[in-house]
Amino acid sequence: MTYQITKSICIHNDEDGWDFNFKTDEYGTVSVTTSFGNDPTFQYIDIPKDCIQHFIDALEQFKT
């Protein structure tokens, strides 16, 4: 048998009904899916393992 251990984190907003789901694969790539309320459309992005810190640094620029 082969096993794969993954990590999953969800940020969910009950008031507005949106969420961000973060998951990793065996290569360390982070996949982010988003959904908003009753909208059946999902948005999807992959962040390679060696780019995660750059992604975080870019998001930090938007903090007030």
PDB file of N, CA and C in Angstrom:
ATOM      1  N   MET A   1       0.833  -1.184   0.000  1.00  0.00           N
ATOM      2  CA  MET A   1       0.000   0.000   0.000  1.00  0.00           C
ATOM      3  C   MET A   1       0.875   1.245   0.000  1.00  0.00           C
ATOM      4  N   THR A   2       0.404   2.261  -0.673  1.00  0.00           N
ATOM      5  CA  THR A   2       1.079   3.547  -0.702  1.00  0.00           C
ATOM      6  C   THR A   2       0.204   4.567   0.004  1.00  0.00           C
ATOM      7  N   TYR A   3       0.825   5.361   0.855  1.00  0.00           N
ATOM      8  CA  TYR A   3       0.091   6.390   1.581  1.00  0.00           C
ATOM      9  C   TYR A   3       0.641   7.748   1.217  1.00  0.00           C
ATOM     10  N   GLN A   4      -0.226   8.706   1.254  1.00  0.00           N
ATOM     11  CA  GLN A   4       0.182  10.083   1.021  1.00  0.00           C
ATOM     12  C   GLN A   4      -0.388  10.928   2.145  1.00  0.00           C
ATOM     13  N   ILE A   5       0.478  11.661   2.826  1.00  0.00           N
ATOM     14  CA  ILE A   5       0.033  12.546   3.896  1.00  0.00           C
ATOM     15  C   ILE A   5       0.024  13.962   3.339  1.00  0.00           C
ATOM     16  N   THR A   6      -1.104  14.603   3.449  1.00  0.00           N
ATOM     17  CA  THR A   6      -1.224  15.969   2.960  1.00  0.00           C
ATOM     18  C   THR A   6      -1.713  16.859   4.087  1.00  0.00           C
ATOM     19  N   LYS A   7      -1.543  18.128   3.903  1.00  0.00           N
ATOM     20  CA  LYS A   7      -1.987  19.107   4.873  1.00  0.00           C
ATOM     21  C   LYS A   7      -3.043  19.967   4.194  1.00  0.00           C
ATOM     22  N   SER A   8      -4.096  20.279   4.924  1.00  0.00           N
ATOM     23  CA  SER A   8      -5.181  21.084   4.375  1.00  0.00           C
ATOM     24  C   SER A   8      -5.588  22.131   5.402  1.00  0.00           C
ATOM     25  N   ILE A   9      -5.728  23.366   4.951  1.00  0.00           N
ATOM     26  CA  ILE A   9      -6.156  24.469   5.810  1.00  0.00           C
ATOM     27  C   ILE A   9      -7.269  25.208   5.088  1.00  0.00           C
ATOM     28  N   CYS A  10      -8.326  25.544   5.813  1.00  0.00           N
ATOM     29  CA  CYS A  10      -9.453  26.269   5.226  1.00  0.00           C
ATOM     30  C   CYS A  10      -9.689  27.563   6.007  1.00  0.00           C
ATOM     31  N   ILE A  11      -9.827  28.657   5.279  1.00  0.00           N
ATOM     32  CA  ILE A  11     -10.257  29.932   5.858  1.00  0.00           C
ATOM     33  C   ILE A  11     -11.672  30.144   5.349  1.00  0.00           C
ATOM     34  N   HIS A  12     -12.620  30.246   6.269  1.00  0.00           N
ATOM     35  CA  HIS A  12     -14.030  30.356   5.890  1.00  0.00           C
ATOM     36  C   HIS A  12     -14.661  31.565   6.571  1.00  0.00           C
ATOM     37  N   ASN A  13     -15.432  32.333   5.821  1.00  0.00           N
ATOM     38  CA  ASN A  13     -16.157  33.474   6.361  1.00  0.00           C
ATOM     39  C   ASN A  13     -17.638  33.142   6.369  1.00  0.00           C
ATOM     40  N   ASP A  14     -18.204  32.931   7.568  1.00  0.00           N
ATOM     41  CA  ASP A  14     -19.614  32.561   7.693  1.00  0.00           C
ATOM     42  C   ASP A  14     -20.558  33.662   7.222  1.00  0.00           C
ATOM     43  N   GLU A  15     -20.204  34.909   7.498  1.00  0.00           N
ATOM     44  CA  GLU A  15     -21.094  36.026   7.151  1.00  0.00           C
ATOM     45  C   GLU A  15     -21.281  36.179   5.643  1.00  0.00           C
ATOM     46  N   ASP A  16     -20.175  36.161   4.919  1.00  0.00           N
ATOM     47  CA  ASP A  16     -20.226  36.397   3.475  1.00  0.00           C
ATOM     48  C   ASP A  16     -20.232  35.114   2.653  1.00  0.00           C
ATOM     49  N   GLY A  17     -19.919  33.981   3.275  1.00  0.00           N
ATOM     50  CA  GLY A  17     -19.996  32.702   2.587  1.00  0.00           C
ATOM     51  C   GLY A  17     -18.841  32.381   1.656  1.00  0.00           C
ATOM     52  N   TRP A  18     -17.687  33.019   1.830  1.00  0.00           N
ATOM     53  CA  TRP A  18     -16.544  32.685   0.969  1.00  0.00           C
ATOM     54  C   TRP A  18     -15.545  31.851   1.749  1.00  0.00           C
ATOM     55  N   ASP A  19     -14.703  31.138   1.011  1.00  0.00           N
ATOM     56  CA  ASP A  19     -13.634  30.394   1.663  1.00  0.00           C
ATOM     57  C   ASP A  19     -12.420  30.227   0.757  1.00  0.00           C
ATOM     58  N   PHE A  20     -11.293  30.006   1.410  1.00  0.00           N
ATOM     59  CA  PHE A  20     -10.034  29.685   0.748  1.00  0.00           C
ATOM     60  C   PHE A  20      -9.585  28.337   1.295  1.00  0.00           C
ATOM     61  N   ASN A  21      -9.317  27.394   0.417  1.00  0.00           N
ATOM     62  CA  ASN A  21      -8.851  26.066   0.809  1.00  0.00           C
ATOM     63  C   ASN A  21      -7.427  25.867   0.306  1.00  0.00           C
ATOM     64  N   PHE A  22      -6.522  25.611   1.234  1.00  0.00           N
ATOM     65  CA  PHE A  22      -5.107  25.404   0.931  1.00  0.00           C
ATOM     66  C   PHE A  22      -4.780  23.935   1.134  1.00  0.00           C
ATOM     67  N   LYS A  23      -4.140  23.320   0.139  1.00  0.00           N
ATOM     68  CA  LYS A  23      -3.721  21.923   0.237  1.00  0.00           C
ATOM     69  C   LYS A  23      -2.334  21.776  -0.356  1.00  0.00           C
ATOM     70  N   THR A  24      -1.577  20.789   0.144  1.00  0.00           N
ATOM     71  CA  THR A  24      -0.260  20.518  -0.420  1.00  0.00           C
ATOM     72  C   THR A  24      -0.246  19.141  -1.061  1.00  0.00           C
ATOM     73  N   ASP A  25       0.645  18.978  -2.024  1.00  0.00           N
ATOM     74  CA  ASP A  25       0.823  17.656  -2.628  1.00  0.00           C
ATOM     75  C   ASP A  25       2.168  17.084  -2.194  1.00  0.00           C
ATOM     76  N   GLU A  26       2.537  15.948  -2.750  1.00  0.00           N
ATOM     77  CA  GLU A  26       3.765  15.282  -2.346  1.00  0.00           C
ATOM     78  C   GLU A  26       5.029  16.049  -2.723  1.00  0.00           C
ATOM     79  N   TYR A  27       4.910  17.045  -3.607  1.00  0.00           N
ATOM     80  CA  TYR A  27       6.058  17.837  -4.027  1.00  0.00           C
ATOM     81  C   TYR A  27       6.172  19.151  -3.260  1.00  0.00           C
ATOM     82  N   GLY A  28       5.226  19.423  -2.354  1.00  0.00           N
ATOM     83  CA  GLY A  28       5.235  20.669  -1.586  1.00  0.00           C
ATOM     84  C   GLY A  28       4.528  21.814  -2.273  1.00  0.00           C
ATOM     85  N   THR A  29       3.937  21.550  -3.437  1.00  0.00           N
ATOM     86  CA  THR A  29       3.176  22.583  -4.138  1.00  0.00           C
ATOM     87  C   THR A  29       1.895  22.857  -3.363  1.00  0.00           C
ATOM     88  N   VAL A  30       1.594  24.131  -3.156  1.00  0.00           N
ATOM     89  CA  VAL A  30       0.371  24.515  -2.463  1.00  0.00           C
ATOM     90  C   VAL A  30      -0.685  24.854  -3.506  1.00  0.00           C
ATOM     91  N   SER A  31      -1.853  24.233  -3.388  1.00  0.00           N
ATOM     92  CA  SER A  31      -2.981  24.527  -4.262  1.00  0.00           C
ATOM     93  C   SER A  31      -3.997  25.317  -3.444  1.00  0.00           C
ATOM     94  N   VAL A  32      -4.498  26.392  -4.034  1.00  0.00           N
ATOM     95  CA  VAL A  32      -5.494  27.224  -3.361  1.00  0.00           C
ATOM     96  C   VAL A  32      -6.743  27.249  -4.226  1.00  0.00           C
ATOM     97  N   THR A  33      -7.870  26.886  -3.631  1.00  0.00           N
ATOM     98  CA  THR A  33      -9.152  27.028  -4.315  1.00  0.00           C
ATOM     99  C   THR A  33      -9.999  27.997  -3.512  1.00  0.00           C
ATOM    100  N   THR A  34     -10.793  28.774  -4.218  1.00  0.00           N
ATOM    101  CA  THR A  34     -11.679  29.726  -3.552  1.00  0.00           C
ATOM    102  C   THR A  34     -13.085  29.545  -4.075  1.00  0.00           C
ATOM    103  N   SER A  35     -14.048  29.808  -3.225  1.00  0.00           N
ATOM    104  CA  SER A  35     -15.450  29.835  -3.649  1.00  0.00           C
ATOM    105  C   SER A  35     -16.132  30.958  -2.894  1.00  0.00           C
ATOM    106  N   PHE A  36     -17.166  31.491  -3.486  1.00  0.00           N
ATOM    107  CA  PHE A  36     -17.860  32.638  -2.927  1.00  0.00           C
ATOM    108  C   PHE A  36     -19.355  32.374  -2.881  1.00  0.00           C
ATOM    109  N   GLY A  37     -19.882  32.164  -1.680  1.00  0.00           N
ATOM    110  CA  GLY A  37     -21.314  31.985  -1.487  1.00  0.00           C
ATOM    111  C   GLY A  37     -21.893  30.868  -2.323  1.00  0.00           C
ATOM    112  N   ASN A  38     -22.967  31.177  -3.025  1.00  0.00           N
ATOM    113  CA  ASN A  38     -23.661  30.186  -3.841  1.00  0.00           C
ATOM    114  C   ASN A  38     -23.096  30.075  -5.251  1.00  0.00           C
ATOM    115  N   ASP A  39     -22.052  30.836  -5.555  1.00  0.00           N
ATOM    116  CA  ASP A  39     -21.444  30.794  -6.888  1.00  0.00           C
ATOM    117  C   ASP A  39     -20.754  29.440  -7.079  1.00  0.00           C
ATOM    118  N   PRO A  40     -21.190  28.647  -8.069  1.00  0.00           N
ATOM    119  CA  PRO A  40     -20.610  27.323  -8.271  1.00  0.00           C
ATOM    120  C   PRO A  40     -19.213  27.367  -8.897  1.00  0.00           C
ATOM    121  N   THR A  41     -18.747  28.545  -9.295  1.00  0.00           N
ATOM    122  CA  THR A  41     -17.445  28.686  -9.928  1.00  0.00           C
ATOM    123  C   THR A  41     -16.343  28.698  -8.878  1.00  0.00           C
ATOM    124  N   PHE A  42     -15.303  27.920  -9.108  1.00  0.00           N
ATOM    125  CA  PHE A  42     -14.146  27.897  -8.227  1.00  0.00           C
ATOM    126  C   PHE A  42     -12.978  28.547  -8.935  1.00  0.00           C
ATOM    127  N   GLN A  43     -12.179  29.277  -8.191  1.00  0.00           N
ATOM    128  CA  GLN A  43     -10.931  29.807  -8.715  1.00  0.00           C
ATOM    129  C   GLN A  43      -9.820  28.943  -8.137  1.00  0.00           C
ATOM    130  N   TYR A  44      -8.765  28.714  -8.921  1.00  0.00           N
ATOM    131  CA  TYR A  44      -7.734  27.753  -8.553  1.00  0.00           C
ATOM    132  C   TYR A  44      -6.363  28.309  -8.895  1.00  0.00           C
ATOM    133  N   ILE A  45      -5.418  28.152  -7.971  1.00  0.00           N
ATOM    134  CA  ILE A  45      -4.039  28.579  -8.230  1.00  0.00           C
ATOM    135  C   ILE A  45      -3.091  27.565  -7.602  1.00  0.00           C
ATOM    136  N   ASP A  46      -1.977  27.294  -8.271  1.00  0.00           N
ATOM    137  CA  ASP A  46      -0.901  26.452  -7.734  1.00  0.00           C
ATOM    138  C   ASP A  46       0.290  27.339  -7.426  1.00  0.00           C
ATOM    139  N   ILE A  47       0.882  27.145  -6.246  1.00  0.00           N
ATOM    140  CA  ILE A  47       2.077  27.887  -5.857  1.00  0.00           C
ATOM    141  C   ILE A  47       3.194  26.867  -5.644  1.00  0.00           C
ATOM    142  N   PRO A  48       4.220  26.868  -6.515  1.00  0.00           N
ATOM    143  CA  PRO A  48       5.318  25.915  -6.357  1.00  0.00           C
ATOM    144  C   PRO A  48       6.030  26.115  -5.013  1.00  0.00           C
ATOM    145  N   LYS A  49       6.574  25.032  -4.484  1.00  0.00           N
ATOM    146  CA  LYS A  49       7.221  25.053  -3.177  1.00  0.00           C
ATOM    147  C   LYS A  49       8.287  26.149  -3.071  1.00  0.00           C
ATOM    148  N   ASP A  50       9.085  26.323  -4.118  1.00  0.00           N
ATOM    149  CA  ASP A  50      10.160  27.316  -4.055  1.00  0.00           C
ATOM    150  C   ASP A  50       9.670  28.756  -4.252  1.00  0.00           C
ATOM    151  N   CYS A  51       8.378  28.949  -4.419  1.00  0.00           N
ATOM    152  CA  CYS A  51       7.815  30.284  -4.618  1.00  0.00           C
ATOM    153  C   CYS A  51       6.908  30.707  -3.452  1.00  0.00           C
ATOM    154  N   ILE A  52       6.675  29.817  -2.490  1.00  0.00           N
ATOM    155  CA  ILE A  52       5.735  30.108  -1.408  1.00  0.00           C
ATOM    156  C   ILE A  52       6.139  31.366  -0.641  1.00  0.00           C
ATOM    157  N   GLN A  53       7.416  31.485  -0.273  1.00  0.00           N
ATOM    158  CA  GLN A  53       7.834  32.656   0.500  1.00  0.00           C
ATOM    159  C   GLN A  53       7.672  33.933  -0.306  1.00  0.00           C
ATOM    160  N   HIS A  54       7.938  33.903  -1.610  1.00  0.00           N
ATOM    161  CA  HIS A  54       7.741  35.088  -2.461  1.00  0.00           C
ATOM    162  C   HIS A  54       6.264  35.473  -2.484  1.00  0.00           C
ATOM    163  N   PHE A  55       5.400  34.469  -2.544  1.00  0.00           N
ATOM    164  CA  PHE A  55       3.953  34.702  -2.541  1.00  0.00           C
ATOM    165  C   PHE A  55       3.537  35.366  -1.227  1.00  0.00           C
ATOM    166  N   ILE A  56       4.037  34.847  -0.112  1.00  0.00           N
ATOM    167  CA  ILE A  56       3.728  35.417   1.203  1.00  0.00           C
ATOM    168  C   ILE A  56       4.261  36.854   1.286  1.00  0.00           C
ATOM    169  N   ASP A  57       5.476  37.079   0.824  1.00  0.00           N
ATOM    170  CA  ASP A  57       6.059  38.420   0.853  1.00  0.00           C
ATOM    171  C   ASP A  57       5.227  39.411   0.044  1.00  0.00           C
ATOM    172  N   ALA A  58       4.718  38.969  -1.103  1.00  0.00           N
ATOM    173  CA  ALA A  58       3.875  39.838  -1.928  1.00  0.00           C
ATOM    174  C   ALA A  58       2.581  40.176  -1.201  1.00  0.00           C
ATOM    175  N   LEU A  59       1.952  39.181  -0.548  1.00  0.00           N
ATOM    176  CA  LEU A  59       0.719  39.439   0.191  1.00  0.00           C
ATOM    177  C   LEU A  59       0.958  40.380   1.363  1.00  0.00           C
ATOM    178  N   GLU A  60       2.125  40.283   1.990  1.00  0.00           N
ATOM    179  CA  GLU A  60       2.461  41.172   3.116  1.00  0.00           C
ATOM    180  C   GLU A  60       2.435  42.635   2.677  1.00  0.00           C
ATOM    181  N   GLN A  61       2.734  42.893   1.411  1.00  0.00           N
ATOM    182  CA  GLN A  61       2.738  44.262   0.900  1.00  0.00           C
ATOM    183  C   GLN A  61       1.338  44.900   0.942  1.00  0.00           C
ATOM    184  N   PHE A  62       0.283  44.079   0.999  1.00  0.00           N
ATOM    185  CA  PHE A  62      -1.077  44.588   1.005  1.00  0.00           C
ATOM    186  C   PHE A  62      -1.616  44.832   2.418  1.00  0.00           C
ATOM    187  N   LYS A  63      -0.881  44.397   3.437  1.00  0.00           N
ATOM    188  CA  LYS A  63      -1.322  44.619   4.805  1.00  0.00           C
ATOM    189  C   LYS A  63      -1.226  46.108   5.125  1.00  0.00           C
ATOM    190  N   THR A  64      -2.148  46.579   5.941  1.00  0.00           N
ATOM    191  CA  THR A  64      -2.123  48.002   6.305  1.00  0.00           C
ATOM    192  C   THR A  64      -1.455  48.223   7.639  1.00  0.00           C
TER     193      THR A  64
END
